[in-house]
């Protein structure tokens, strides 16, 4: 059981690392002035990606990243509840995870209507869809685990949960590191996309 908890915690940290990458590259760096690359620039403050306030939340990209942050917080809550054997909280956390990744998939589909066709878009949507379906499977498996007796053999179930979390983390990393898609989101916010004119983005 201790190994299972450690595995869940380690995967949770990877989710946080991917969220940090996304916030650092798509929110913070976008706000830096061109003058900020001086050699005597102050060292950047260490960021807690779970607590970072995304403000304002006006553009599709900012709203999407806020959803990503909410999903990561729920993954963190799942890890904490598993570590503390809080069965009810395990169920609540996975419900939230499933809700957030469903919203992320829906928002990604909506946003990508204004994103050029290509491999980047295809890969992005493929992985948001996998996150949605895997989170539903996770909700089912965690419900089974939460209702199990202390004497039950849950090794196989734990392996399924770890496998799902690993798959979700891999998809999550793809989604958070899809820099080209986020750049297209910026472009969509600054221009009115025309299907006739289109965007000439290489994928």
Protein backbone atom coordinates (compact mmCIF):
# COMPACT_ATOMS: atom_id res chain seq x y z
CA UNK A 1 0.00 0.00 0.00
CA UNK A 2 2.86 2.35 0.81
CA UNK A 3 4.32 1.80 -2.66
CA UNK A 4 0.94 2.53 -4.24
CA UNK A 5 0.66 5.81 -2.34
CA UNK A 6 4.19 6.79 -3.36
CA UNK A 7 3.46 6.03 -7.02
CA UNK A 8 0.30 8.17 -6.94
CA UNK A 9 2.20 11.02 -5.27
CA UNK A 10 5.03 10.85 -7.82
CA UNK A 11 2.58 10.99 -10.72
CA UNK A 12 0.75 13.89 -9.06
CA UNK A 13 4.02 15.84 -8.92
CA UNK A 14 4.48 15.29 -12.67
CA UNK A 15 1.06 16.85 -13.28
CA UNK A 16 2.16 19.87 -11.23
CA UNK A 17 5.40 20.12 -13.19
CA UNK A 18 3.48 20.19 -16.48
CA UNK A 19 1.12 22.85 -15.10
CA UNK A 20 4.12 24.91 -14.01
CA UNK A 21 5.58 24.67 -17.51
CA UNK A 22 2.30 25.87 -19.00
CA UNK A 23 1.90 28.81 -16.62
CA UNK A 24 5.54 29.79 -16.94
CA UNK A 25 5.55 29.73 -20.74
CA UNK A 26 2.05 30.86 -21.62
CA UNK A 27 1.13 33.29 -18.83
CA UNK A 28 4.24 34.64 -17.12
CA UNK A 29 6.61 34.85 -20.09
CA UNK A 30 3.88 36.48 -22.16
CA UNK A 31 3.68 39.26 -19.59
CA UNK A 32 7.41 40.00 -19.53
CA UNK A 33 8.58 43.16 -21.28
CA UNK A 34 11.33 42.97 -23.86
CA UNK A 35 13.53 44.96 -21.48
CA UNK A 36 13.42 42.24 -18.85
CA UNK A 37 16.20 40.15 -20.37
CA UNK A 38 19.00 42.27 -18.88
CA UNK A 39 21.87 40.41 -17.23
CA UNK A 40 21.15 42.10 -13.89
CA UNK A 41 17.51 41.04 -13.96
CA UNK A 42 16.20 39.92 -10.59
CA UNK A 43 15.85 36.19 -10.16
CA UNK A 44 12.32 35.09 -10.87
CA UNK A 45 10.17 34.16 -7.90
CA UNK A 46 9.52 30.46 -7.31
CA UNK A 47 5.95 29.70 -8.35
CA UNK A 48 3.48 27.29 -6.81
CA UNK A 49 1.46 26.30 -9.90
CA UNK A 50 -1.52 25.16 -7.81
CA UNK A 51 -1.85 28.53 -6.09
CA UNK A 52 -0.85 30.85 -8.93
CA UNK A 53 -3.67 33.30 -9.69
CA UNK A 54 -4.38 33.48 -13.41
CA UNK A 55 -5.58 37.04 -13.85
CA UNK A 56 -7.34 38.29 -15.79
CA UNK A 57 -9.27 35.36 -17.24
CA UNK A 58 -10.60 37.04 -20.38
CA UNK A 59 -9.23 35.11 -23.34
CA UNK A 60 -9.96 31.50 -24.40
CA UNK A 61 -6.36 30.61 -23.57
CA UNK A 62 -6.56 32.02 -20.05
CA UNK A 63 -9.85 30.22 -19.41
CA UNK A 64 -8.39 26.98 -20.75
CA UNK A 65 -5.29 27.21 -18.54
CA UNK A 66 -7.51 27.93 -15.54
CA UNK A 67 -9.35 24.65 -16.26
CA UNK A 68 -6.00 22.85 -16.51
CA UNK A 69 -5.07 24.28 -13.11
CA UNK A 70 -8.37 23.11 -11.58
CA UNK A 71 -7.82 19.61 -12.92
CA UNK A 72 -4.31 19.53 -11.45
CA UNK A 73 -5.64 20.63 -8.06
CA UNK A 74 -8.10 17.74 -8.17
CA UNK A 75 -5.30 15.30 -9.02
CA UNK A 76 -3.41 16.68 -6.02
CA UNK A 77 -6.52 16.21 -3.86
CA UNK A 78 -6.82 12.61 -5.04
CA UNK A 79 -3.21 11.94 -4.11
CA UNK A 80 -3.72 13.48 -0.67
CA UNK A 81 -6.92 11.52 0.01
CA UNK A 82 -5.27 8.25 -1.05
CA UNK A 83 -2.30 9.00 1.21
CA UNK A 84 -4.66 9.60 4.16
CA UNK A 85 -7.05 6.75 3.27
CA UNK A 86 -9.94 9.20 3.04
CA UNK A 87 -12.39 7.15 1.00
CA UNK A 88 -15.11 9.75 0.56
CA UNK A 89 -12.59 12.36 -0.54
CA UNK A 90 -11.15 9.91 -3.08
CA UNK A 91 -14.58 9.73 -4.72
CA UNK A 92 -15.11 13.49 -4.59
CA UNK A 93 -11.68 14.12 -6.10
CA UNK A 94 -12.19 11.74 -9.01
CA UNK A 95 -15.62 13.24 -9.70
CA UNK A 96 -13.97 16.63 -9.93
CA UNK A 97 -11.19 15.24 -12.12
CA UNK A 98 -13.71 13.74 -14.52
CA UNK A 99 -15.73 16.98 -14.60
CA UNK A 100 -12.67 19.13 -15.28
CA UNK A 101 -11.25 16.93 -18.02
CA UNK A 102 -14.67 16.76 -19.68
CA UNK A 103 -14.76 20.56 -19.63
CA UNK A 104 -11.20 20.71 -20.94
CA UNK A 105 -12.09 18.41 -23.83
CA UNK A 106 -15.18 20.47 -24.69
CA UNK A 107 -13.25 23.74 -24.48
CA UNK A 108 -10.40 22.33 -26.58
CA UNK A 109 -12.89 21.29 -29.27
CA UNK A 110 -14.41 24.76 -29.24
CA UNK A 111 -11.07 26.56 -29.34
CA UNK A 112 -9.66 24.37 -32.08
CA UNK A 113 -12.40 25.38 -34.48
CA UNK A 114 -10.30 28.52 -34.92
CA UNK A 115 -6.97 26.69 -35.07
CA UNK A 116 -5.37 25.64 -38.38
CA UNK A 117 -5.62 22.01 -39.41
CA UNK A 118 -2.50 19.95 -38.91
CA UNK A 119 -0.70 17.41 -36.75
CA UNK A 120 -0.40 19.78 -33.78
CA UNK A 121 -4.16 20.29 -33.61
CA UNK A 122 -4.86 16.60 -34.16
CA UNK A 123 -2.47 15.57 -31.39
CA UNK A 124 -3.85 18.18 -29.00
CA UNK A 125 -7.47 17.06 -29.48
CA UNK A 126 -6.54 13.38 -29.35
CA UNK A 127 -4.96 13.83 -25.94
CA UNK A 128 -7.73 16.00 -24.44
CA UNK A 129 -10.16 13.28 -25.54
CA UNK A 130 -8.02 10.58 -23.89
CA UNK A 131 -7.94 12.61 -20.69
CA UNK A 132 -11.73 12.73 -20.67
CA UNK A 133 -12.25 9.00 -21.26
CA UNK A 134 -9.46 7.96 -18.86
CA UNK A 135 -10.84 10.19 -16.11
CA UNK A 136 -14.22 8.45 -16.40
CA UNK A 137 -12.50 5.07 -16.03
CA UNK A 138 -10.54 6.47 -13.08
CA UNK A 139 -13.78 7.53 -11.37
CA UNK A 140 -15.14 3.99 -11.70
CA UNK A 141 -11.98 2.31 -10.37
CA UNK A 142 -11.61 4.70 -7.44
CA UNK A 143 -15.27 4.10 -6.49
CA UNK A 144 -14.55 0.36 -6.39
CA UNK A 145 -11.42 0.94 -4.30
CA UNK A 146 -13.22 3.25 -1.88
CA UNK A 147 -15.95 0.65 -1.29
CA UNK A 148 -13.55 -2.27 -0.79
CA UNK A 149 -13.03 -3.96 2.57
CA UNK A 150 -9.72 -3.86 4.38
CA UNK A 151 -9.32 -7.60 3.79
CA UNK A 152 -9.87 -7.36 0.01
CA UNK A 153 -6.98 -7.94 -2.35
CA UNK A 154 -6.75 -4.64 -4.25
CA UNK A 155 -3.34 -5.14 -5.87
CA UNK A 156 -4.79 -5.60 -9.35
CA UNK A 157 -7.11 -2.64 -8.83
CA UNK A 158 -4.22 -0.48 -7.65
CA UNK A 159 -2.26 -1.44 -10.77
CA UNK A 160 -5.18 -0.35 -12.95
CA UNK A 161 -5.36 2.98 -11.13
CA UNK A 162 -1.63 3.58 -11.55
CA UNK A 163 -1.85 2.63 -15.22
CA UNK A 164 -4.69 5.11 -15.77
CA UNK A 165 -2.86 7.86 -13.90
CA UNK A 166 0.29 7.28 -15.94
CA UNK A 167 -1.68 7.41 -19.18
CA UNK A 168 -3.43 10.60 -18.07
CA UNK A 169 -0.14 12.19 -17.06
CA UNK A 170 1.38 11.42 -20.48
CA UNK A 171 -1.65 12.96 -22.22
CA UNK A 172 -1.57 15.91 -19.83
CA UNK A 173 2.08 16.57 -20.64
CA UNK A 174 1.26 16.64 -24.37
CA UNK A 175 -1.61 19.07 -23.81
CA UNK A 176 0.37 21.42 -21.56
CA UNK A 177 3.42 21.39 -23.85
CA UNK A 178 1.49 22.08 -27.08
CA UNK A 179 3.10 25.51 -27.48
CA UNK A 180 1.97 25.93 -31.08
CA UNK A 181 -1.68 25.52 -30.12
CA UNK A 182 -1.40 28.12 -27.36
CA UNK A 183 0.28 30.51 -29.78
CA UNK A 184 -2.65 29.98 -32.13
CA UNK A 185 -4.99 30.75 -29.23
CA UNK A 186 -3.20 34.09 -28.81
CA UNK A 187 -3.53 34.74 -32.52
CA UNK A 188 -7.24 33.94 -32.39
CA UNK A 189 -7.70 36.46 -29.58
CA UNK A 190 -5.97 39.22 -31.54
CA UNK A 191 -7.52 38.67 -34.95
CA UNK A 192 -10.82 37.62 -36.38
CA UNK A 193 -10.28 34.27 -37.98
CA UNK A 194 -11.75 33.80 -41.41
CA UNK A 195 -12.30 30.38 -42.90
CA UNK A 196 -11.76 31.87 -46.31
CA UNK A 197 -8.53 33.59 -45.39
CA UNK A 198 -7.41 30.98 -42.88
CA UNK A 199 -4.05 30.70 -41.16
CA UNK A 200 -0.99 29.39 -42.83
CA UNK A 201 0.47 27.49 -39.89
CA UNK A 202 2.90 24.65 -40.55
CA UNK A 203 2.21 21.58 -38.43
